[in-house]
Amino acid sequence: MFEFSIEVIETAVVFLFMITLRLLSRSAISRSLRKFNFSYQRRKLIVKLINFLVVLLGLLAIIGIWGIEQQDLFIFLSSLVTVLGIAFFAQWSLLSNITSGLILFFNHPLKLGDEIKVHDKDYPIKGKVKDIGYYFVHIETIEGEKLTIPNSVLVQKMVSVVGEQTAQT
């Protein structure tokens, strides 16, 4: 009955540590980036990245606690990479959207709250940027429509920033 009790306790400690680390890092990152006057969207993206890294480290710790053998882990990871490879081959635009999201984050002048105009011959879009994610940019038009545009489209098309939002804290 108590065969796995120590592993369960250690796993619970790892989960508590992950939650505490996520909360502490979120507030510390927000304070630091606010101090250096980074935009809200950049703070939000960095917090998402830190949360991903904390979860990844937590999963590695749990794998170590439960003693999963290297051969089993290798079989799982190779199967996962194979499935992802097939998915990326079938949907290569996924990779371009992630790369475009990084370009939008670091080099593009648009930010949350900006009113933008996407100059497309067939489907011109004008609206306010509500969110910039890893794959999509969420825009709300003047009519109240909520659109999601793949990041790669915004990098490939000409985009005008019509009205800029003041920095949010």
Protein backbone atom coordinates (compact mmCIF):
# COMPACT_ATOMS: atom_id res chain seq x y z
CA MET A 1 0.00 0.00 0.00
CA PHE A 2 2.82 2.42 0.86
CA GLU A 3 5.01 1.27 -2.02
CA PHE A 4 4.94 4.62 -3.86
CA SER A 5 4.21 6.96 -0.96
CA ILE A 6 7.61 8.73 -1.04
CA GLU A 7 7.32 9.33 -4.81
CA VAL A 8 3.83 10.78 -4.38
CA ILE A 9 5.06 13.13 -1.64
CA GLU A 10 8.08 14.19 -3.71
CA THR A 11 5.81 14.79 -6.73
CA ALA A 12 3.50 16.95 -4.61
CA VAL A 13 6.53 18.95 -3.39
CA VAL A 14 7.64 19.47 -7.01
CA PHE A 15 4.16 20.72 -7.94
CA LEU A 16 4.11 23.12 -4.99
CA PHE A 17 7.59 24.32 -5.91
CA MET A 18 6.49 24.85 -9.55
CA ILE A 19 3.45 26.88 -8.50
CA THR A 20 5.52 28.99 -6.09
CA LEU A 21 8.25 29.54 -8.68
CA ARG A 22 5.70 30.57 -11.32
CA LEU A 23 4.09 33.10 -8.99
CA LEU A 24 7.38 34.55 -7.80
CA SER A 25 8.89 34.72 -11.28
CA ARG A 26 5.76 36.33 -12.71
CA SER A 27 5.82 39.19 -10.23
CA ALA A 28 9.60 39.62 -10.43
CA ILE A 29 9.57 39.67 -14.23
CA SER A 30 6.66 42.12 -14.33
CA ARG A 31 8.42 44.46 -11.90
CA SER A 32 11.73 44.26 -13.76
CA LEU A 33 10.26 44.77 -17.21
CA ARG A 34 8.01 47.58 -15.99
CA LYS A 35 11.10 49.25 -14.50
CA PHE A 36 12.82 49.12 -17.90
CA ASN A 37 9.60 50.27 -19.63
CA PHE A 38 8.95 47.19 -21.75
CA SER A 39 5.51 46.97 -23.32
CA TYR A 40 2.72 44.83 -21.89
CA GLN A 41 2.89 42.36 -24.78
CA ARG A 42 6.57 41.66 -24.17
CA ARG A 43 6.00 41.15 -20.44
CA LYS A 44 3.16 38.77 -21.26
CA LEU A 45 5.24 36.75 -23.73
CA ILE A 46 8.23 36.51 -21.39
CA VAL A 47 5.97 35.31 -18.55
CA LYS A 48 4.56 32.63 -20.90
CA LEU A 49 8.09 31.53 -21.79
CA ILE A 50 9.18 31.37 -18.15
CA ASN A 51 6.04 29.36 -17.28
CA PHE A 52 6.87 26.92 -20.07
CA LEU A 53 10.42 26.49 -18.77
CA VAL A 54 9.19 25.96 -15.19
CA VAL A 55 6.76 23.27 -16.35
CA LEU A 56 9.50 21.61 -18.43
CA LEU A 57 11.88 21.55 -15.45
CA GLY A 58 9.10 20.23 -13.23
CA LEU A 59 8.39 17.40 -15.67
CA LEU A 60 12.08 16.51 -15.77
CA ALA A 61 12.15 16.44 -11.95
CA ILE A 62 9.07 14.19 -11.86
CA ILE A 63 10.64 11.86 -14.42
CA GLY A 64 13.68 11.64 -12.14
CA ILE A 65 11.54 11.02 -9.05
CA TRP A 66 9.59 8.18 -10.60
CA GLY A 67 12.74 6.63 -12.06
CA ILE A 68 11.64 6.24 -15.64
CA GLU A 69 14.28 4.25 -17.44
CA GLN A 70 16.31 5.91 -20.16
CA GLN A 71 15.33 3.34 -22.78
CA ASP A 72 11.62 3.91 -22.15
CA LEU A 73 12.11 7.66 -22.22
CA PHE A 74 14.10 7.40 -25.47
CA ILE A 75 11.32 5.34 -27.10
CA PHE A 76 8.71 7.87 -26.00
CA LEU A 77 10.73 10.88 -27.19
CA SER A 78 11.58 9.29 -30.54
CA SER A 79 7.89 8.49 -31.08
CA LEU A 80 6.96 12.04 -30.14
CA VAL A 81 9.56 13.51 -32.52
CA THR A 82 8.30 11.25 -35.32
CA VAL A 83 4.70 12.37 -34.82
CA LEU A 84 5.78 16.03 -34.62
CA GLY A 85 7.90 15.63 -37.76
CA ILE A 86 4.92 14.28 -39.67
CA ALA A 87 2.72 17.05 -38.30
CA PHE A 88 5.25 19.72 -39.27
CA PHE A 89 5.62 18.24 -42.73
CA ALA A 90 1.85 18.22 -43.15
CA GLN A 91 1.48 21.71 -41.66
CA TRP A 92 4.78 23.50 -42.25
CA SER A 93 3.10 26.86 -41.73
CA LEU A 94 3.10 26.10 -38.01
CA LEU A 95 6.87 26.60 -37.92
CA SER A 96 6.66 29.77 -39.98
CA ASN A 97 4.04 31.17 -37.58
CA ILE A 98 6.28 30.51 -34.57
CA THR A 99 9.23 32.15 -36.33
CA SER A 100 7.05 35.05 -37.41
CA GLY A 101 5.82 35.43 -33.83
CA LEU A 102 9.43 35.89 -32.72
CA ILE A 103 9.98 38.46 -35.47
CA LEU A 104 6.83 40.33 -34.41
CA PHE A 105 7.98 40.25 -30.80
CA PHE A 106 11.49 41.55 -31.35
CA ASN A 107 11.43 43.66 -34.53
CA HIS A 108 7.93 44.76 -35.48
CA PRO A 109 6.57 48.13 -34.37
CA LEU A 110 3.04 46.93 -33.57
CA LYS A 111 2.06 46.24 -29.97
CA LEU A 112 -1.04 45.54 -27.92
CA GLY A 113 -3.70 48.21 -28.22
CA ASP A 114 -2.40 49.61 -31.52
CA GLU A 115 -4.86 50.21 -34.32
CA ILE A 116 -3.42 48.65 -37.46
CA LYS A 117 -4.29 48.28 -41.10
CA VAL A 118 -3.23 45.18 -43.05
CA HIS A 119 -2.82 46.13 -46.71
CA ASP A 120 -4.15 43.09 -48.54
CA LYS A 121 -5.67 43.41 -52.01
CA ASP A 122 -8.37 40.80 -51.40
CA TYR A 123 -9.04 41.17 -47.66
CA PRO A 124 -7.97 44.51 -46.19
CA ILE A 125 -8.18 44.47 -42.41
CA LYS A 126 -8.33 47.39 -40.01
CA GLY A 127 -8.68 46.96 -36.27
CA LYS A 128 -7.13 47.05 -32.82
CA VAL A 129 -4.51 44.49 -31.73
CA LYS A 130 -5.91 42.62 -28.72
CA ASP A 131 -3.33 39.85 -28.28
CA ILE A 132 -0.15 38.58 -29.91
CA GLY A 133 0.41 34.87 -29.37
CA TYR A 134 2.87 32.28 -30.60
CA TYR A 135 0.80 31.47 -33.71
CA PHE A 136 -1.84 34.18 -34.16
CA VAL A 137 -2.49 37.88 -33.68
CA HIS A 138 -5.99 38.66 -32.38
CA ILE A 139 -7.57 41.78 -33.84
CA GLU A 140 -10.91 43.43 -33.08
CA THR A 141 -12.38 45.42 -35.97
CA ILE A 142 -14.37 48.64 -35.68
CA GLU A 143 -17.54 46.59 -36.25
CA GLY A 144 -16.67 44.42 -33.23
CA GLU A 145 -15.55 41.36 -35.18
CA LYS A 146 -12.81 39.33 -33.52
CA LEU A 147 -10.28 38.10 -36.07
CA THR A 148 -7.29 35.83 -35.71
CA ILE A 149 -4.55 36.37 -38.24
CA PRO A 150 -1.58 34.00 -38.54
CA ASN A 151 1.67 35.67 -37.55
CA SER A 152 3.24 34.81 -40.89
CA VAL A 153 0.59 36.89 -42.70
CA LEU A 154 1.49 39.99 -40.71
CA VAL A 155 5.17 39.51 -41.47
CA GLN A 156 4.52 38.96 -45.20
CA LYS A 157 1.96 41.74 -45.75
CA MET A 158 2.43 45.46 -45.45
CA VAL A 159 1.03 46.66 -42.11
CA SER A 160 0.41 50.26 -41.05
CA VAL A 161 0.16 51.30 -37.43
CA VAL A 162 -2.72 53.79 -37.65
CA GLY A 163 -3.06 54.71 -33.98
CA GLU A 164 -0.66 53.85 -31.19
CA GLN A 165 -1.77 52.92 -27.69
CA THR A 166 0.14 54.48 -24.82
CA ALA A 167 2.30 52.03 -22.84
CA GLN A 168 0.28 49.85 -20.48
CA THR A 169 1.60 48.87 -17.08
